[in-house]
């Protein structure tokens, strides 16, 4: 049994200034103001688009992120309808096989007390034993997966346009979001703020002691 922390990986190579320039090129068609473009005009233009609510222009650029999280969090991610998803399949992945290491991998939950962590770990141990027992008895992975818990590690590749990423991050960094969902959302938001000027500057910032953020 492995226990790991959630994490993300940017799969789209992003040059932030290039992203802004591309959005500017698309957006200025609306106003026929291409003549106002210069090497320094993109940031101000994109900021004006966002402040005015003209965010449809942001839909012209897409970013793909691989998210490693638990199954429960992945169920929340795919509720966002405008996007493309490719997820590790518990129907076809046989975690008892040599290829998969012959063991299950779980995502560490946000538990602080030692006794709570021990309860969780013992439950995961039982789930692993039961799953591997079914597999060894010849049960197919798609049937044996019925004993797998939400804490099972999954990998999901997510592609959204920039407008949808803004919507996703506004919702999932909210204090009303599940703590583990917020944990992932803030990882993505931090990366986006590092890589892309302006577009995500107005999102986030709320403290949440429960999520440790």
N, C-alpha and C. Protein backbone atom coordinates (compact mmCIF):
# COMPACT_ATOMS: atom_id res chain seq x y z
N UNK A 1 0.85 -1.19 0.00
CA UNK A 1 0.00 0.00 0.00
C UNK A 1 0.88 1.24 0.00
N UNK A 2 0.62 2.14 -0.93
CA UNK A 2 1.33 3.41 -0.97
C UNK A 2 0.38 4.54 -0.57
N UNK A 3 0.93 5.53 0.10
CA UNK A 3 0.17 6.74 0.45
C UNK A 3 0.95 7.93 -0.08
N UNK A 4 0.33 8.73 -0.93
CA UNK A 4 0.99 9.87 -1.53
C UNK A 4 0.15 11.12 -1.34
N UNK A 5 0.77 12.28 -1.59
CA UNK A 5 0.06 13.55 -1.55
C UNK A 5 -0.46 13.91 -2.94
N UNK A 6 -1.55 14.64 -3.02
CA UNK A 6 -2.05 15.07 -4.33
C UNK A 6 -1.07 16.05 -4.98
N UNK A 7 -1.07 16.08 -6.30
CA UNK A 7 -0.22 17.02 -7.01
C UNK A 7 -0.73 17.23 -8.43
N UNK A 8 -0.17 18.21 -9.11
CA UNK A 8 -0.60 18.53 -10.47
C UNK A 8 0.61 18.61 -11.38
N UNK A 9 0.34 18.54 -12.69
CA UNK A 9 1.39 18.71 -13.69
C UNK A 9 0.82 19.47 -14.87
N UNK A 10 1.45 20.58 -15.23
CA UNK A 10 1.05 21.32 -16.42
C UNK A 10 1.47 20.53 -17.65
N UNK A 11 0.53 20.18 -18.51
CA UNK A 11 0.85 19.44 -19.73
C UNK A 11 0.93 20.34 -20.95
N UNK A 12 0.41 21.54 -20.83
CA UNK A 12 0.53 22.54 -21.90
C UNK A 12 1.73 23.42 -21.61
N UNK A 13 2.61 23.56 -22.58
CA UNK A 13 3.72 24.49 -22.44
C UNK A 13 3.18 25.91 -22.61
N UNK A 14 3.31 26.70 -21.59
CA UNK A 14 2.70 28.03 -21.58
C UNK A 14 3.77 29.12 -21.54
N UNK A 15 3.68 30.04 -22.47
CA UNK A 15 4.46 31.28 -22.44
C UNK A 15 3.45 32.39 -22.18
N UNK A 16 3.46 32.91 -20.97
CA UNK A 16 2.42 33.83 -20.52
C UNK A 16 2.20 35.02 -21.42
N UNK A 17 3.27 35.68 -21.81
CA UNK A 17 3.11 36.86 -22.66
C UNK A 17 2.54 36.48 -24.03
N UNK A 18 2.92 35.29 -24.50
CA UNK A 18 2.37 34.82 -25.76
C UNK A 18 0.88 34.56 -25.67
N UNK A 19 0.44 34.03 -24.52
CA UNK A 19 -0.98 33.80 -24.29
C UNK A 19 -1.74 35.12 -24.36
N UNK A 20 -1.22 36.14 -23.66
CA UNK A 20 -1.89 37.44 -23.65
C UNK A 20 -1.94 38.04 -25.05
N UNK A 21 -0.85 37.93 -25.78
CA UNK A 21 -0.81 38.49 -27.12
C UNK A 21 -1.81 37.79 -28.04
N UNK A 22 -1.94 36.47 -27.89
CA UNK A 22 -2.91 35.72 -28.69
C UNK A 22 -4.33 36.18 -28.37
N UNK A 23 -4.64 36.32 -27.06
CA UNK A 23 -5.97 36.78 -26.67
C UNK A 23 -6.23 38.18 -27.21
N UNK A 24 -5.23 39.03 -27.14
CA UNK A 24 -5.38 40.38 -27.67
C UNK A 24 -5.69 40.35 -29.16
N UNK A 25 -4.98 39.53 -29.90
CA UNK A 25 -5.21 39.44 -31.35
C UNK A 25 -6.65 39.02 -31.64
N UNK A 26 -7.16 38.06 -30.87
CA UNK A 26 -8.54 37.61 -31.06
C UNK A 26 -9.53 38.70 -30.67
N UNK A 27 -9.30 39.31 -29.52
CA UNK A 27 -10.25 40.28 -28.99
C UNK A 27 -10.33 41.57 -29.78
N UNK A 28 -9.24 42.01 -30.32
CA UNK A 28 -9.25 43.29 -31.05
C UNK A 28 -10.02 43.21 -32.36
N UNK A 29 -10.28 41.99 -32.84
CA UNK A 29 -11.13 41.84 -34.02
C UNK A 29 -12.52 42.40 -33.74
N UNK A 30 -12.99 42.24 -32.51
CA UNK A 30 -14.33 42.73 -32.15
C UNK A 30 -14.44 44.24 -32.32
N UNK A 31 -13.37 44.95 -32.02
CA UNK A 31 -13.39 46.41 -32.01
C UNK A 31 -12.65 47.01 -33.20
N UNK A 32 -12.08 46.12 -34.06
CA UNK A 32 -11.25 46.56 -35.18
C UNK A 32 -10.22 47.58 -34.71
N UNK A 33 -9.52 47.18 -33.62
CA UNK A 33 -8.51 48.07 -33.04
C UNK A 33 -7.12 47.45 -33.13
N UNK A 34 -6.92 46.63 -34.16
CA UNK A 34 -5.62 45.98 -34.32
C UNK A 34 -4.47 46.99 -34.43
N UNK A 35 -4.81 48.17 -34.92
CA UNK A 35 -3.77 49.18 -35.10
C UNK A 35 -3.20 49.68 -33.77
N UNK A 36 -3.90 49.39 -32.68
CA UNK A 36 -3.44 49.84 -31.37
C UNK A 36 -2.52 48.83 -30.68
N UNK A 37 -2.28 47.71 -31.33
CA UNK A 37 -1.40 46.70 -30.74
C UNK A 37 0.05 47.16 -30.80
N UNK A 38 0.76 46.94 -29.69
CA UNK A 38 2.19 47.19 -29.66
C UNK A 38 2.80 46.16 -28.71
N UNK A 39 4.11 46.11 -28.56
CA UNK A 39 4.73 45.07 -27.71
C UNK A 39 4.29 45.08 -26.25
N UNK A 40 3.63 46.15 -25.81
CA UNK A 40 3.28 46.26 -24.39
C UNK A 40 1.77 46.42 -24.16
N UNK A 41 0.97 46.22 -25.19
CA UNK A 41 -0.47 46.53 -25.08
C UNK A 41 -1.31 45.36 -24.58
N UNK A 42 -0.79 44.14 -24.63
CA UNK A 42 -1.62 42.96 -24.37
C UNK A 42 -2.15 42.91 -22.93
N UNK A 43 -1.29 43.17 -21.96
CA UNK A 43 -1.73 43.06 -20.56
C UNK A 43 -2.89 44.00 -20.25
N UNK A 44 -2.77 45.23 -20.67
CA UNK A 44 -3.82 46.21 -20.41
C UNK A 44 -5.12 45.82 -21.12
N UNK A 45 -4.99 45.33 -22.36
CA UNK A 45 -6.17 44.95 -23.12
C UNK A 45 -6.90 43.78 -22.47
N UNK A 46 -6.15 42.74 -22.07
CA UNK A 46 -6.77 41.57 -21.46
C UNK A 46 -7.39 41.94 -20.11
N UNK A 47 -6.75 42.79 -19.36
CA UNK A 47 -7.30 43.26 -18.09
C UNK A 47 -8.64 43.97 -18.31
N UNK A 48 -8.71 44.78 -19.36
CA UNK A 48 -9.96 45.48 -19.68
C UNK A 48 -11.05 44.50 -20.08
N UNK A 49 -10.68 43.47 -20.83
CA UNK A 49 -11.67 42.45 -21.21
C UNK A 49 -12.29 41.81 -19.97
N UNK A 50 -11.44 41.42 -19.02
CA UNK A 50 -11.93 40.75 -17.81
C UNK A 50 -12.76 41.70 -16.96
N UNK A 51 -12.29 42.92 -16.79
CA UNK A 51 -13.02 43.88 -15.96
C UNK A 51 -14.37 44.25 -16.55
N UNK A 52 -14.48 44.21 -17.87
CA UNK A 52 -15.75 44.55 -18.53
C UNK A 52 -16.68 43.35 -18.67
N UNK A 53 -16.19 42.17 -18.30
CA UNK A 53 -17.01 40.97 -18.42
C UNK A 53 -17.00 40.34 -19.80
N UNK A 54 -16.14 40.81 -20.68
CA UNK A 54 -16.05 40.27 -22.04
C UNK A 54 -15.10 39.07 -22.05
N UNK A 55 -15.48 38.04 -21.29
CA UNK A 55 -14.58 36.90 -21.09
C UNK A 55 -14.69 35.84 -22.17
N UNK A 56 -15.64 35.98 -23.10
CA UNK A 56 -15.75 34.98 -24.16
C UNK A 56 -14.47 34.91 -24.99
N UNK A 57 -13.73 36.02 -25.06
CA UNK A 57 -12.48 36.02 -25.83
C UNK A 57 -11.47 35.04 -25.22
N UNK A 58 -11.55 34.81 -23.90
CA UNK A 58 -10.62 33.90 -23.23
C UNK A 58 -10.83 32.45 -23.66
N UNK A 59 -11.96 32.16 -24.28
CA UNK A 59 -12.25 30.79 -24.69
C UNK A 59 -11.39 30.33 -25.86
N UNK A 60 -10.67 31.24 -26.49
CA UNK A 60 -9.85 30.87 -27.64
C UNK A 60 -8.56 30.15 -27.24
N UNK A 61 -8.23 30.16 -25.96
CA UNK A 61 -6.97 29.52 -25.53
C UNK A 61 -7.26 28.44 -24.50
N UNK A 62 -6.67 27.26 -24.70
CA UNK A 62 -6.89 26.11 -23.83
C UNK A 62 -5.61 25.70 -23.10
N UNK A 63 -5.78 25.18 -21.89
CA UNK A 63 -4.65 24.66 -21.11
C UNK A 63 -5.03 23.28 -20.58
N UNK A 64 -4.07 22.35 -20.64
CA UNK A 64 -4.28 21.00 -20.15
C UNK A 64 -3.42 20.77 -18.89
N UNK A 65 -4.06 20.22 -17.86
CA UNK A 65 -3.39 19.93 -16.59
C UNK A 65 -3.68 18.49 -16.20
N UNK A 66 -2.64 17.76 -15.77
CA UNK A 66 -2.86 16.43 -15.19
C UNK A 66 -2.95 16.58 -13.68
N UNK A 67 -4.02 16.05 -13.12
CA UNK A 67 -4.28 16.16 -11.68
C UNK A 67 -4.19 14.76 -11.07
N UNK A 68 -3.38 14.62 -10.03
CA UNK A 68 -3.29 13.37 -9.28
C UNK A 68 -4.00 13.62 -7.95
N UNK A 69 -5.11 12.95 -7.76
CA UNK A 69 -5.96 13.21 -6.59
C UNK A 69 -6.69 11.93 -6.22
N UNK A 70 -7.60 12.01 -5.26
CA UNK A 70 -8.37 10.81 -4.95
C UNK A 70 -9.63 10.76 -5.81
N UNK A 71 -10.28 9.61 -5.82
CA UNK A 71 -11.45 9.42 -6.69
C UNK A 71 -12.58 10.35 -6.33
N UNK A 72 -12.73 10.65 -5.04
CA UNK A 72 -13.80 11.55 -4.62
C UNK A 72 -13.65 12.93 -5.23
N UNK A 73 -12.43 13.46 -5.21
CA UNK A 73 -12.17 14.78 -5.81
C UNK A 73 -12.40 14.73 -7.32
N UNK A 74 -11.98 13.65 -7.97
CA UNK A 74 -12.15 13.56 -9.42
C UNK A 74 -13.63 13.58 -9.81
N UNK A 75 -14.49 13.03 -8.96
CA UNK A 75 -15.92 13.07 -9.25
C UNK A 75 -16.45 14.50 -9.28
N UNK A 76 -15.85 15.35 -8.44
CA UNK A 76 -16.27 16.75 -8.44
C UNK A 76 -15.74 17.49 -9.67
N UNK A 77 -14.53 17.17 -10.07
CA UNK A 77 -13.93 17.84 -11.23
C UNK A 77 -14.77 17.63 -12.48
N UNK A 78 -15.22 16.40 -12.72
CA UNK A 78 -15.92 16.11 -13.98
C UNK A 78 -17.34 16.65 -13.99
N UNK A 79 -17.78 17.24 -12.90
CA UNK A 79 -19.09 17.93 -12.91
C UNK A 79 -19.03 19.22 -13.72
N UNK A 80 -17.83 19.72 -13.97
CA UNK A 80 -17.69 20.91 -14.81
C UNK A 80 -17.81 20.46 -16.26
N UNK A 81 -18.85 20.89 -16.94
CA UNK A 81 -19.25 20.27 -18.20
C UNK A 81 -18.44 20.73 -19.41
N UNK A 82 -17.95 21.97 -19.39
CA UNK A 82 -17.24 22.48 -20.57
C UNK A 82 -15.77 22.12 -20.45
N UNK A 83 -15.41 20.94 -20.90
CA UNK A 83 -14.04 20.52 -20.80
C UNK A 83 -13.84 19.14 -21.39
N UNK A 84 -12.58 18.71 -21.46
CA UNK A 84 -12.24 17.37 -21.93
C UNK A 84 -11.51 16.65 -20.80
N UNK A 85 -11.86 15.37 -20.59
CA UNK A 85 -11.30 14.60 -19.49
C UNK A 85 -10.81 13.24 -19.97
N UNK A 86 -9.64 12.84 -19.49
CA UNK A 86 -9.13 11.49 -19.69
C UNK A 86 -8.65 11.00 -18.34
N UNK A 87 -9.27 9.91 -17.84
CA UNK A 87 -9.01 9.49 -16.46
C UNK A 87 -8.57 8.04 -16.39
N UNK A 88 -7.66 7.78 -15.46
CA UNK A 88 -7.24 6.42 -15.14
C UNK A 88 -8.47 5.56 -14.84
N UNK A 89 -8.57 4.42 -15.49
CA UNK A 89 -9.78 3.61 -15.41
C UNK A 89 -9.62 2.45 -14.44
N UNK A 90 -10.53 2.37 -13.48
CA UNK A 90 -10.52 1.23 -12.56
C UNK A 90 -11.14 -0.01 -13.21
N UNK A 91 -11.77 0.15 -14.38
CA UNK A 91 -12.27 -1.02 -15.12
C UNK A 91 -11.13 -1.78 -15.77
N UNK A 92 -10.18 -1.04 -16.31
CA UNK A 92 -9.14 -1.67 -17.12
C UNK A 92 -7.78 -1.77 -16.43
N UNK A 93 -7.56 -0.98 -15.39
CA UNK A 93 -6.29 -1.07 -14.65
C UNK A 93 -6.41 -2.16 -13.58
N UNK A 94 -5.56 -3.14 -13.68
CA UNK A 94 -5.53 -4.22 -12.71
C UNK A 94 -4.43 -3.91 -11.70
N UNK A 95 -4.81 -3.43 -10.53
CA UNK A 95 -3.82 -3.00 -9.53
C UNK A 95 -3.10 -4.17 -8.87
N UNK A 96 -3.56 -5.37 -9.14
CA UNK A 96 -2.87 -6.54 -8.63
C UNK A 96 -1.79 -7.04 -9.57
N UNK A 97 -1.69 -6.44 -10.75
CA UNK A 97 -0.72 -6.90 -11.74
C UNK A 97 0.67 -6.36 -11.44
N UNK A 98 1.66 -7.01 -12.01
CA UNK A 98 3.05 -6.56 -11.84
C UNK A 98 3.24 -5.16 -12.40
N UNK A 99 2.58 -4.88 -13.53
CA UNK A 99 2.67 -3.56 -14.16
C UNK A 99 2.27 -2.44 -13.22
N UNK A 100 1.25 -2.69 -12.39
CA UNK A 100 0.74 -1.68 -11.47
C UNK A 100 1.38 -1.78 -10.10
N UNK A 101 2.39 -2.63 -9.95
CA UNK A 101 3.11 -2.73 -8.69
C UNK A 101 2.50 -3.69 -7.69
N UNK A 102 1.37 -4.30 -8.05
CA UNK A 102 0.75 -5.26 -7.16
C UNK A 102 0.21 -4.68 -5.88
N UNK A 103 -0.05 -3.38 -5.87
CA UNK A 103 -0.58 -2.74 -4.66
C UNK A 103 -1.43 -1.53 -5.04
N UNK A 104 -2.19 -1.04 -4.09
CA UNK A 104 -3.00 0.14 -4.30
C UNK A 104 -2.27 1.38 -3.80
N UNK A 105 -2.57 2.50 -4.42
CA UNK A 105 -2.02 3.79 -3.99
C UNK A 105 -3.17 4.67 -3.55
N UNK A 106 -3.01 5.29 -2.37
CA UNK A 106 -4.06 6.13 -1.83
C UNK A 106 -3.55 7.55 -1.64
N UNK A 107 -4.46 8.51 -1.72
CA UNK A 107 -4.15 9.91 -1.49
C UNK A 107 -4.33 10.23 -0.01
N UNK A 108 -3.31 10.82 0.57
CA UNK A 108 -3.37 11.18 1.98
C UNK A 108 -4.47 12.20 2.24
N UNK A 109 -5.39 11.93 3.15
CA UNK A 109 -6.47 12.88 3.44
C UNK A 109 -5.99 13.99 4.38
N UNK A 110 -6.80 15.01 4.52
CA UNK A 110 -6.45 16.14 5.39
C UNK A 110 -6.89 15.83 6.82
N UNK A 111 -6.17 14.91 7.44
CA UNK A 111 -6.42 14.55 8.83
C UNK A 111 -5.23 14.99 9.66
N UNK A 112 -5.50 15.57 10.82
CA UNK A 112 -4.44 16.09 11.67
C UNK A 112 -4.13 15.18 12.86
N UNK A 113 -5.16 14.58 13.45
CA UNK A 113 -4.95 13.77 14.65
C UNK A 113 -4.41 12.39 14.29
N UNK A 114 -3.44 11.93 15.04
CA UNK A 114 -2.81 10.64 14.79
C UNK A 114 -3.82 9.52 14.79
N UNK A 115 -4.76 9.53 15.76
CA UNK A 115 -5.71 8.44 15.87
C UNK A 115 -6.65 8.38 14.67
N UNK A 116 -6.98 9.55 14.09
CA UNK A 116 -7.82 9.57 12.90
C UNK A 116 -7.07 9.00 11.70
N UNK A 117 -5.81 9.34 11.58
CA UNK A 117 -5.00 8.81 10.48
C UNK A 117 -4.88 7.29 10.57
N UNK A 118 -4.75 6.77 11.80
CA UNK A 118 -4.63 5.32 11.97
C UNK A 118 -5.93 4.61 11.59
N UNK A 119 -7.08 5.21 11.93
CA UNK A 119 -8.36 4.65 11.50
C UNK A 119 -8.42 4.57 9.99
N UNK A 120 -8.03 5.68 9.34
CA UNK A 120 -8.07 5.74 7.88
C UNK A 120 -7.12 4.71 7.26
N UNK A 121 -5.90 4.64 7.76
CA UNK A 121 -4.92 3.71 7.21
C UNK A 121 -5.38 2.25 7.35
N UNK A 122 -5.97 1.93 8.47
CA UNK A 122 -6.42 0.55 8.66
C UNK A 122 -7.56 0.21 7.69
N UNK A 123 -8.42 1.19 7.42
CA UNK A 123 -9.51 0.98 6.46
C UNK A 123 -8.96 0.77 5.05
N UNK A 124 -7.96 1.55 4.68
CA UNK A 124 -7.35 1.40 3.37
C UNK A 124 -6.67 0.04 3.24
N UNK A 125 -6.05 -0.40 4.32
CA UNK A 125 -5.38 -1.71 4.31
C UNK A 125 -6.38 -2.82 4.04
N UNK A 126 -7.53 -2.75 4.68
CA UNK A 126 -8.57 -3.76 4.47
C UNK A 126 -9.06 -3.71 3.02
N UNK A 127 -9.27 -2.50 2.49
CA UNK A 127 -9.73 -2.37 1.10
C UNK A 127 -8.73 -2.99 0.14
N UNK A 128 -7.44 -2.74 0.38
CA UNK A 128 -6.41 -3.32 -0.49
C UNK A 128 -6.42 -4.84 -0.41
N UNK A 129 -6.49 -5.38 0.79
CA UNK A 129 -6.50 -6.83 0.96
C UNK A 129 -7.70 -7.46 0.26
N UNK A 130 -8.87 -6.82 0.40
CA UNK A 130 -10.08 -7.37 -0.21
C UNK A 130 -10.00 -7.30 -1.74
N UNK A 131 -9.51 -6.18 -2.25
CA UNK A 131 -9.39 -6.03 -3.71
C UNK A 131 -8.42 -7.06 -4.28
N UNK A 132 -7.24 -7.15 -3.69
CA UNK A 132 -6.24 -8.10 -4.20
C UNK A 132 -6.71 -9.55 -4.03
N UNK A 133 -7.49 -9.79 -2.99
CA UNK A 133 -8.05 -11.13 -2.80
C UNK A 133 -9.02 -11.49 -3.91
N UNK A 134 -9.87 -10.55 -4.29
CA UNK A 134 -10.81 -10.79 -5.39
C UNK A 134 -10.06 -11.02 -6.70
N UNK A 135 -9.03 -10.19 -6.94
CA UNK A 135 -8.24 -10.34 -8.16
C UNK A 135 -7.58 -11.72 -8.21
N UNK A 136 -7.01 -12.14 -7.09
CA UNK A 136 -6.32 -13.44 -7.05
C UNK A 136 -7.30 -14.59 -7.24
N UNK A 137 -8.57 -14.36 -6.93
CA UNK A 137 -9.60 -15.39 -7.12
C UNK A 137 -10.15 -15.40 -8.55
N UNK A 138 -9.59 -14.53 -9.40
CA UNK A 138 -10.01 -14.51 -10.79
C UNK A 138 -11.11 -13.52 -11.12
N UNK A 139 -11.49 -12.70 -10.16
CA UNK A 139 -12.51 -11.68 -10.42
C UNK A 139 -11.89 -10.58 -11.29
N UNK A 140 -12.63 -10.10 -12.27
CA UNK A 140 -12.10 -9.08 -13.17
C UNK A 140 -11.96 -7.74 -12.45
N UNK A 141 -11.02 -6.90 -12.88
CA UNK A 141 -10.84 -5.60 -12.25
C UNK A 141 -12.12 -4.75 -12.22
N UNK A 142 -12.93 -4.83 -13.28
CA UNK A 142 -14.13 -3.99 -13.31
C UNK A 142 -15.18 -4.41 -12.29
N UNK A 143 -15.10 -5.65 -11.81
CA UNK A 143 -15.99 -6.10 -10.74
C UNK A 143 -15.32 -5.91 -9.38
N UNK A 144 -14.03 -6.22 -9.30
CA UNK A 144 -13.31 -6.09 -8.04
C UNK A 144 -13.25 -4.63 -7.57
N UNK A 145 -13.36 -3.69 -8.48
CA UNK A 145 -13.26 -2.28 -8.10
C UNK A 145 -14.38 -1.83 -7.16
N UNK A 146 -15.41 -2.66 -7.00
CA UNK A 146 -16.54 -2.28 -6.14
C UNK A 146 -16.11 -2.09 -4.69
N UNK A 147 -14.96 -2.64 -4.30
CA UNK A 147 -14.50 -2.47 -2.91
C UNK A 147 -13.52 -1.31 -2.77
N UNK A 148 -13.22 -0.62 -3.85
CA UNK A 148 -12.24 0.47 -3.79
C UNK A 148 -12.86 1.72 -3.19
N UNK A 149 -12.14 2.41 -2.29
CA UNK A 149 -12.67 3.60 -1.61
C UNK A 149 -12.39 4.88 -2.39
N UNK A 150 -13.02 5.96 -1.96
CA UNK A 150 -12.80 7.27 -2.58
C UNK A 150 -11.36 7.73 -2.46
N UNK A 151 -10.63 7.24 -1.48
CA UNK A 151 -9.24 7.67 -1.28
C UNK A 151 -8.27 7.08 -2.29
N UNK A 152 -8.75 6.17 -3.15
CA UNK A 152 -7.87 5.60 -4.16
C UNK A 152 -7.30 6.69 -5.04
N UNK A 153 -6.00 6.60 -5.31
CA UNK A 153 -5.35 7.57 -6.21
C UNK A 153 -5.88 7.41 -7.62
N UNK A 154 -6.12 8.53 -8.28
CA UNK A 154 -6.46 8.51 -9.69
C UNK A 154 -5.70 9.63 -10.39
N UNK A 155 -5.51 9.49 -11.68
CA UNK A 155 -4.91 10.53 -12.50
C UNK A 155 -5.94 10.96 -13.54
N UNK A 156 -6.16 12.25 -13.63
CA UNK A 156 -7.13 12.75 -14.59
C UNK A 156 -6.54 13.94 -15.34
N UNK A 157 -6.60 13.87 -16.66
CA UNK A 157 -6.12 14.95 -17.52
C UNK A 157 -7.31 15.84 -17.86
N UNK A 158 -7.15 17.12 -17.58
CA UNK A 158 -8.25 18.09 -17.73
C UNK A 158 -7.84 19.19 -18.70
N UNK A 159 -8.68 19.43 -19.70
CA UNK A 159 -8.45 20.53 -20.63
C UNK A 159 -9.64 21.48 -20.59
N UNK A 160 -9.38 22.74 -20.24
CA UNK A 160 -10.38 23.80 -20.26
C UNK A 160 -9.82 24.98 -21.04
N UNK A 161 -10.74 25.79 -21.57
CA UNK A 161 -10.30 27.09 -22.05
C UNK A 161 -10.11 28.02 -20.85
N UNK A 162 -9.48 29.16 -21.07
CA UNK A 162 -9.14 30.04 -19.95
C UNK A 162 -10.37 30.54 -19.21
N UNK A 163 -11.44 30.77 -19.94
CA UNK A 163 -12.66 31.22 -19.26
C UNK A 163 -13.18 30.15 -18.32
N UNK A 164 -13.16 28.89 -18.77
CA UNK A 164 -13.62 27.79 -17.92
C UNK A 164 -12.69 27.57 -16.74
N UNK A 165 -11.38 27.73 -16.94
CA UNK A 165 -10.46 27.62 -15.81
C UNK A 165 -10.78 28.69 -14.77
N UNK A 166 -11.11 29.91 -15.22
CA UNK A 166 -11.48 30.96 -14.27
C UNK A 166 -12.72 30.55 -13.49
N UNK A 167 -13.71 30.01 -14.18
CA UNK A 167 -14.94 29.57 -13.52
C UNK A 167 -14.65 28.45 -12.53
N UNK A 168 -13.87 27.46 -12.96
CA UNK A 168 -13.50 26.34 -12.10
C UNK A 168 -12.79 26.83 -10.84
N UNK A 169 -11.81 27.70 -11.01
CA UNK A 169 -11.01 28.14 -9.87
C UNK A 169 -11.79 29.06 -8.93
N UNK A 170 -12.69 29.85 -9.47
CA UNK A 170 -13.54 30.66 -8.59
C UNK A 170 -14.40 29.77 -7.70
N UNK A 171 -14.96 28.73 -8.28
CA UNK A 171 -15.81 27.83 -7.51
C UNK A 171 -15.01 26.96 -6.53
N UNK A 172 -13.90 26.44 -6.99
CA UNK A 172 -13.19 25.43 -6.22
C UNK A 172 -12.15 25.99 -5.25
N UNK A 173 -11.90 27.29 -5.28
CA UNK A 173 -11.11 27.91 -4.22
C UNK A 173 -12.01 28.57 -3.17
N UNK A 174 -13.30 28.50 -3.38
CA UNK A 174 -14.26 29.06 -2.43
C UNK A 174 -14.22 28.29 -1.11
N UNK A 175 -14.53 28.97 -0.03
CA UNK A 175 -14.60 28.31 1.27
C UNK A 175 -15.68 27.24 1.31
N UNK A 176 -16.64 27.31 0.40
CA UNK A 176 -17.71 26.31 0.37
C UNK A 176 -17.27 25.02 -0.29
N UNK A 177 -16.13 25.02 -0.97
CA UNK A 177 -15.64 23.82 -1.66
C UNK A 177 -15.09 22.80 -0.67
N UNK A 178 -15.05 21.54 -1.10
CA UNK A 178 -14.47 20.48 -0.27
C UNK A 178 -12.99 20.80 -0.02
N UNK A 179 -12.50 20.60 1.21
CA UNK A 179 -11.11 20.96 1.52
C UNK A 179 -10.08 20.34 0.58
N UNK A 180 -10.27 19.07 0.20
CA UNK A 180 -9.29 18.45 -0.69
C UNK A 180 -9.41 18.97 -2.12
N UNK A 181 -10.62 19.39 -2.49
CA UNK A 181 -10.81 20.02 -3.78
C UNK A 181 -10.14 21.38 -3.81
N UNK A 182 -10.27 22.12 -2.71
CA UNK A 182 -9.60 23.42 -2.60
C UNK A 182 -8.08 23.26 -2.65
N UNK A 183 -7.59 22.22 -2.04
CA UNK A 183 -6.15 21.97 -2.03
C UNK A 183 -5.63 21.87 -3.46
N UNK A 184 -6.31 21.10 -4.30
CA UNK A 184 -5.93 20.96 -5.70
C UNK A 184 -6.11 22.27 -6.45
N UNK A 185 -7.24 22.94 -6.22
CA UNK A 185 -7.53 24.18 -6.94
C UNK A 185 -6.47 25.24 -6.68
N UNK A 186 -6.00 25.32 -5.45
CA UNK A 186 -4.98 26.32 -5.14
C UNK A 186 -3.63 25.94 -5.75
N UNK A 187 -3.34 24.65 -5.89
CA UNK A 187 -2.13 24.25 -6.60
C UNK A 187 -2.17 24.76 -8.05
N UNK A 188 -3.30 24.57 -8.69
CA UNK A 188 -3.46 25.01 -10.08
C UNK A 188 -3.40 26.52 -10.17
N UNK A 189 -4.13 27.19 -9.27
CA UNK A 189 -4.17 28.64 -9.30
C UNK A 189 -2.78 29.24 -9.11
N UNK A 190 -2.03 28.71 -8.18
CA UNK A 190 -0.68 29.22 -7.93
C UNK A 190 0.19 29.08 -9.18
N UNK A 191 0.07 27.93 -9.85
CA UNK A 191 0.86 27.70 -11.06
C UNK A 191 0.44 28.65 -12.17
N UNK A 192 -0.86 28.83 -12.33
CA UNK A 192 -1.36 29.72 -13.37
C UNK A 192 -0.91 31.17 -13.13
N UNK A 193 -0.95 31.59 -11.86
CA UNK A 193 -0.53 32.96 -11.55
C UNK A 193 0.95 33.16 -11.84
N UNK A 194 1.73 32.11 -11.67
CA UNK A 194 3.16 32.19 -11.99
C UNK A 194 3.39 32.28 -13.49
N UNK A 195 2.59 31.55 -14.26
CA UNK A 195 2.85 31.39 -15.68
C UNK A 195 2.14 32.40 -16.58
N UNK A 196 0.96 32.87 -16.14
CA UNK A 196 0.12 33.70 -17.02
C UNK A 196 -0.25 35.00 -16.32
N UNK A 197 0.28 36.12 -16.75
CA UNK A 197 -0.07 37.41 -16.13
C UNK A 197 -1.54 37.75 -16.33
N UNK A 198 -2.09 38.50 -15.39
CA UNK A 198 -3.39 39.17 -15.51
C UNK A 198 -4.59 38.23 -15.38
N UNK A 199 -4.62 37.13 -16.13
CA UNK A 199 -5.85 36.36 -16.32
C UNK A 199 -6.44 35.82 -15.01
N UNK A 200 -5.58 35.47 -14.04
CA UNK A 200 -6.08 34.86 -12.80
C UNK A 200 -5.78 35.70 -11.56
N UNK A 201 -5.35 36.93 -11.77
CA UNK A 201 -4.93 37.77 -10.64
C UNK A 201 -6.06 38.07 -9.65
N UNK A 202 -7.30 38.05 -10.10
CA UNK A 202 -8.43 38.45 -9.26
C UNK A 202 -9.07 37.26 -8.54
N UNK A 203 -8.47 36.09 -8.62
CA UNK A 203 -9.08 34.88 -8.04
C UNK A 203 -8.25 34.41 -6.85
N UNK A 204 -8.94 33.91 -5.81
CA UNK A 204 -8.25 33.33 -4.65
C UNK A 204 -7.98 34.35 -3.58
N UNK A 205 -7.25 33.89 -2.57
CA UNK A 205 -6.86 34.78 -1.49
C UNK A 205 -7.58 34.53 -0.19
N UNK A 206 -8.67 33.73 -0.23
CA UNK A 206 -9.39 33.44 1.00
C UNK A 206 -8.61 32.43 1.84
N UNK A 207 -8.58 32.66 3.14
CA UNK A 207 -7.92 31.70 4.05
C UNK A 207 -8.91 30.63 4.45
N UNK A 208 -8.43 29.45 4.68
CA UNK A 208 -9.27 28.35 5.11
C UNK A 208 -8.45 27.44 6.02
N UNK A 209 -8.63 27.62 7.33
CA UNK A 209 -7.83 26.86 8.27
C UNK A 209 -8.09 25.36 8.17
N UNK A 210 -9.36 25.02 7.86
CA UNK A 210 -9.71 23.59 7.80
C UNK A 210 -8.92 22.90 6.69
N UNK A 211 -8.73 23.59 5.55
CA UNK A 211 -8.03 22.98 4.43
C UNK A 211 -6.52 23.19 4.53
N UNK A 212 -6.07 23.95 5.51
CA UNK A 212 -4.66 24.19 5.64
C UNK A 212 -4.11 25.07 4.55
N UNK A 213 -4.94 25.98 4.02
CA UNK A 213 -4.54 26.82 2.90
C UNK A 213 -4.39 28.27 3.34
